[in-house]
Amino acid sequence: MRSGVLILALIVALASNLAIAQNTTVSSGSERKVSSRVAPLYPDLAKKMHIHGTVKVEAVVRPNGSVKSTRVLGGNPVLVEAAQEAVGKWKFEPGQSETTEIVQLAFEGQ
């Protein structure tokens, strides 16, 4: 019985992590669409401190759609690393040349 409760708690925790930071906006001059997103993991410290907010990340995207580099443009320091790591794993639609995309990730506290 106890292991069933632990498994249920783990499932609920994982599901809430996936839903927390899915509000994302991509904007730039080139408007390349995101073909594959990785949701950022909500940091434990942010959960404990009930921190939420938006992180703005600049992503340099190669012509093949992979992210070459990321740079944080703003956001709560507790959230920026998770946002930067997630955006670094995103894939964009292929393009003619390297572009710079601005991405905003919203972390919504529980």
C-alpha atoms as a PDB file:
ATOM      1  CA  MET A   1       0.000   0.000   0.000  1.00  0.00           C
ATOM      2  CA  ARG A   2       2.764   2.422   0.935  1.00  0.00           C
ATOM      3  CA  SER A   3       4.637   1.861  -2.345  1.00  0.00           C
ATOM      4  CA  GLY A   4       1.431   2.609  -4.259  1.00  0.00           C
ATOM      5  CA  VAL A   5       1.131   5.962  -2.514  1.00  0.00           C
ATOM      6  CA  LEU A   6       4.775   6.761  -3.311  1.00  0.00           C
ATOM      7  CA  ILE A   7       4.289   5.882  -6.970  1.00  0.00           C
ATOM      8  CA  LEU A   8       1.159   8.033  -7.149  1.00  0.00           C
ATOM      9  CA  ALA A   9       3.009  10.952  -5.539  1.00  0.00           C
ATOM     10  CA  LEU A  10       5.858  10.569  -8.037  1.00  0.00           C
ATOM     11  CA  ILE A  11       3.447  10.560 -10.983  1.00  0.00           C
ATOM     12  CA  VAL A  12       1.693  13.695  -9.711  1.00  0.00           C
ATOM     13  CA  ALA A  13       5.035  15.467  -9.189  1.00  0.00           C
ATOM     14  CA  LEU A  14       6.264  14.612 -12.691  1.00  0.00           C
ATOM     15  CA  ALA A  15       2.996  15.680 -14.312  1.00  0.00           C
ATOM     16  CA  SER A  16       3.051  19.027 -12.513  1.00  0.00           C
ATOM     17  CA  ASN A  17       6.659  19.662 -13.609  1.00  0.00           C
ATOM     18  CA  LEU A  18       5.693  19.123 -17.247  1.00  0.00           C
ATOM     19  CA  ALA A  19       2.732  21.512 -17.060  1.00  0.00           C
ATOM     20  CA  ILE A  20       4.412  24.346 -15.175  1.00  0.00           C
ATOM     21  CA  ALA A  21       6.531  25.997 -17.863  1.00  0.00           C
ATOM     22  CA  GLN A  22       4.703  25.256 -21.068  1.00  0.00           C
ATOM     23  CA  ASN A  23       3.617  28.814 -21.772  1.00  0.00           C
ATOM     24  CA  THR A  24       6.267  29.895 -24.246  1.00  0.00           C
ATOM     25  CA  THR A  25       6.471  32.632 -26.800  1.00  0.00           C
ATOM     26  CA  VAL A  26       8.927  32.863 -29.674  1.00  0.00           C
ATOM     27  CA  SER A  27       9.498  36.210 -31.313  1.00  0.00           C
ATOM     28  CA  SER A  28      12.149  37.635 -33.606  1.00  0.00           C
ATOM     29  CA  GLY A  29      12.598  39.174 -36.996  1.00  0.00           C
ATOM     30  CA  SER A  30      12.846  35.786 -38.714  1.00  0.00           C
ATOM     31  CA  GLU A  31       9.900  34.114 -36.935  1.00  0.00           C
ATOM     32  CA  ARG A  32      11.262  30.556 -37.273  1.00  0.00           C
ATOM     33  CA  LYS A  33       8.803  28.099 -35.807  1.00  0.00           C
ATOM     34  CA  VAL A  34       9.730  25.680 -33.065  1.00  0.00           C
ATOM     35  CA  SER A  35       9.452  22.077 -34.255  1.00  0.00           C
ATOM     36  CA  SER A  36      10.431  20.403 -30.962  1.00  0.00           C
ATOM     37  CA  ARG A  37      10.301  21.866 -27.432  1.00  0.00           C
ATOM     38  CA  VAL A  38      11.770  20.603 -24.199  1.00  0.00           C
ATOM     39  CA  ALA A  39       9.910  21.847 -21.127  1.00  0.00           C
ATOM     40  CA  PRO A  40      12.203  23.258 -18.450  1.00  0.00           C
ATOM     41  CA  LEU A  41      12.346  21.516 -15.095  1.00  0.00           C
ATOM     42  CA  TYR A  42      10.938  23.711 -12.362  1.00  0.00           C
ATOM     43  CA  PRO A  43      13.867  24.110  -9.906  1.00  0.00           C
ATOM     44  CA  ASP A  44      13.340  22.689  -6.403  1.00  0.00           C
ATOM     45  CA  LEU A  45      14.451  25.969  -4.811  1.00  0.00           C
ATOM     46  CA  ALA A  46      11.867  27.867  -6.860  1.00  0.00           C
ATOM     47  CA  LYS A  47       9.166  25.446  -5.703  1.00  0.00           C
ATOM     48  CA  LYS A  48      10.157  25.798  -2.061  1.00  0.00           C
ATOM     49  CA  MET A  49      10.257  29.592  -2.291  1.00  0.00           C
ATOM     50  CA  HIS A  50       7.079  29.785  -4.454  1.00  0.00           C
ATOM     51  CA  ILE A  51       9.004  31.656  -7.170  1.00  0.00           C
ATOM     52  CA  HIS A  52       7.349  32.189 -10.529  1.00  0.00           C
ATOM     53  CA  GLY A  53       7.906  34.498 -13.452  1.00  0.00           C
ATOM     54  CA  THR A  54       9.102  34.790 -17.019  1.00  0.00           C
ATOM     55  CA  VAL A  55      12.598  34.162 -18.346  1.00  0.00           C
ATOM     56  CA  LYS A  56      13.673  35.720 -21.647  1.00  0.00           C
ATOM     57  CA  VAL A  57      16.309  33.775 -23.615  1.00  0.00           C
ATOM     58  CA  GLU A  58      18.077  34.624 -26.859  1.00  0.00           C
ATOM     59  CA  ALA A  59      18.809  31.532 -28.973  1.00  0.00           C
ATOM     60  CA  VAL A  60      21.180  31.499 -31.935  1.00  0.00           C
ATOM     61  CA  VAL A  61      19.743  28.884 -34.303  1.00  0.00           C
ATOM     62  CA  ARG A  62      21.782  27.112 -36.999  1.00  0.00           C
ATOM     63  CA  PRO A  63      20.356  26.712 -40.526  1.00  0.00           C
ATOM     64  CA  ASN A  64      19.490  23.062 -39.718  1.00  0.00           C
ATOM     65  CA  GLY A  65      17.291  24.202 -36.808  1.00  0.00           C
ATOM     66  CA  SER A  66      19.481  23.160 -33.889  1.00  0.00           C
ATOM     67  CA  VAL A  67      20.354  25.700 -31.193  1.00  0.00           C
ATOM     68  CA  LYS A  68      23.967  26.844 -31.411  1.00  0.00           C
ATOM     69  CA  SER A  69      24.000  28.967 -28.259  1.00  0.00           C
ATOM     70  CA  THR A  70      21.743  30.644 -25.721  1.00  0.00           C
ATOM     71  CA  ARG A  71      22.001  33.813 -23.671  1.00  0.00           C
ATOM     72  CA  VAL A  72      19.705  34.923 -20.871  1.00  0.00           C
ATOM     73  CA  LEU A  73      18.200  38.373 -21.440  1.00  0.00           C
ATOM     74  CA  GLY A  74      16.222  38.567 -18.210  1.00  0.00           C
ATOM     75  CA  GLY A  75      14.366  36.735 -15.516  1.00  0.00           C
ATOM     76  CA  ASN A  76      14.636  35.517 -11.955  1.00  0.00           C
ATOM     77  CA  PRO A  77      18.143  34.089 -11.312  1.00  0.00           C
ATOM     78  CA  VAL A  78      16.609  30.986  -9.711  1.00  0.00           C
ATOM     79  CA  LEU A  79      14.780  30.169 -12.971  1.00  0.00           C
ATOM     80  CA  VAL A  80      17.263  31.197 -15.670  1.00  0.00           C
ATOM     81  CA  GLU A  81      19.441  28.070 -15.690  1.00  0.00           C
ATOM     82  CA  ALA A  82      16.454  25.753 -16.180  1.00  0.00           C
ATOM     83  CA  ALA A  83      15.126  27.945 -19.001  1.00  0.00           C
ATOM     84  CA  GLN A  84      18.501  28.192 -20.737  1.00  0.00           C
ATOM     85  CA  GLU A  85      19.093  24.423 -20.557  1.00  0.00           C
ATOM     86  CA  ALA A  86      15.646  23.658 -21.989  1.00  0.00           C
ATOM     87  CA  VAL A  87      15.876  26.131 -24.889  1.00  0.00           C
ATOM     88  CA  GLY A  88      19.313  24.737 -25.754  1.00  0.00           C
ATOM     89  CA  LYS A  89      17.602  21.402 -26.518  1.00  0.00           C
ATOM     90  CA  TRP A  90      14.873  22.866 -28.740  1.00  0.00           C
ATOM     91  CA  LYS A  91      14.716  22.312 -32.499  1.00  0.00           C
ATOM     92  CA  PHE A  92      13.481  24.961 -34.932  1.00  0.00           C
ATOM     93  CA  GLU A  93      12.367  24.601 -38.530  1.00  0.00           C
ATOM     94  CA  PRO A  94      15.295  24.653 -40.993  1.00  0.00           C
ATOM     95  CA  GLY A  95      16.138  28.038 -42.515  1.00  0.00           C
ATOM     96  CA  GLN A  96      18.361  29.671 -45.102  1.00  0.00           C
ATOM     97  CA  SER A  97      20.875  30.971 -42.575  1.00  0.00           C
ATOM     98  CA  GLU A  98      21.675  31.284 -38.898  1.00  0.00           C
ATOM     99  CA  THR A  99      19.080  33.355 -37.028  1.00  0.00           C
ATOM    100  CA  THR A 100      18.578  34.774 -33.576  1.00  0.00           C
ATOM    101  CA  GLU A 101      15.310  33.949 -31.833  1.00  0.00           C
ATOM    102  CA  ILE A 102      13.960  35.477 -28.638  1.00  0.00           C
ATOM    103  CA  VAL A 103      12.078  33.011 -26.441  1.00  0.00           C
ATOM    104  CA  GLN A 104      10.084  33.728 -23.286  1.00  0.00           C
ATOM    105  CA  LEU A 105       9.286  30.919 -20.863  1.00  0.00           C
ATOM    106  CA  ALA A 106       6.682  31.443 -18.164  1.00  0.00           C
ATOM    107  CA  PHE A 107       7.204  29.547 -14.909  1.00  0.00           C
ATOM    108  CA  GLU A 108       3.934  29.416 -13.042  1.00  0.00           C
ATOM    109  CA  GLY A 109       4.165  28.575  -9.339  1.00  0.00           C
ATOM    110  CA  GLN A 110       1.837  26.194  -7.601  1.00  0.00           C
END
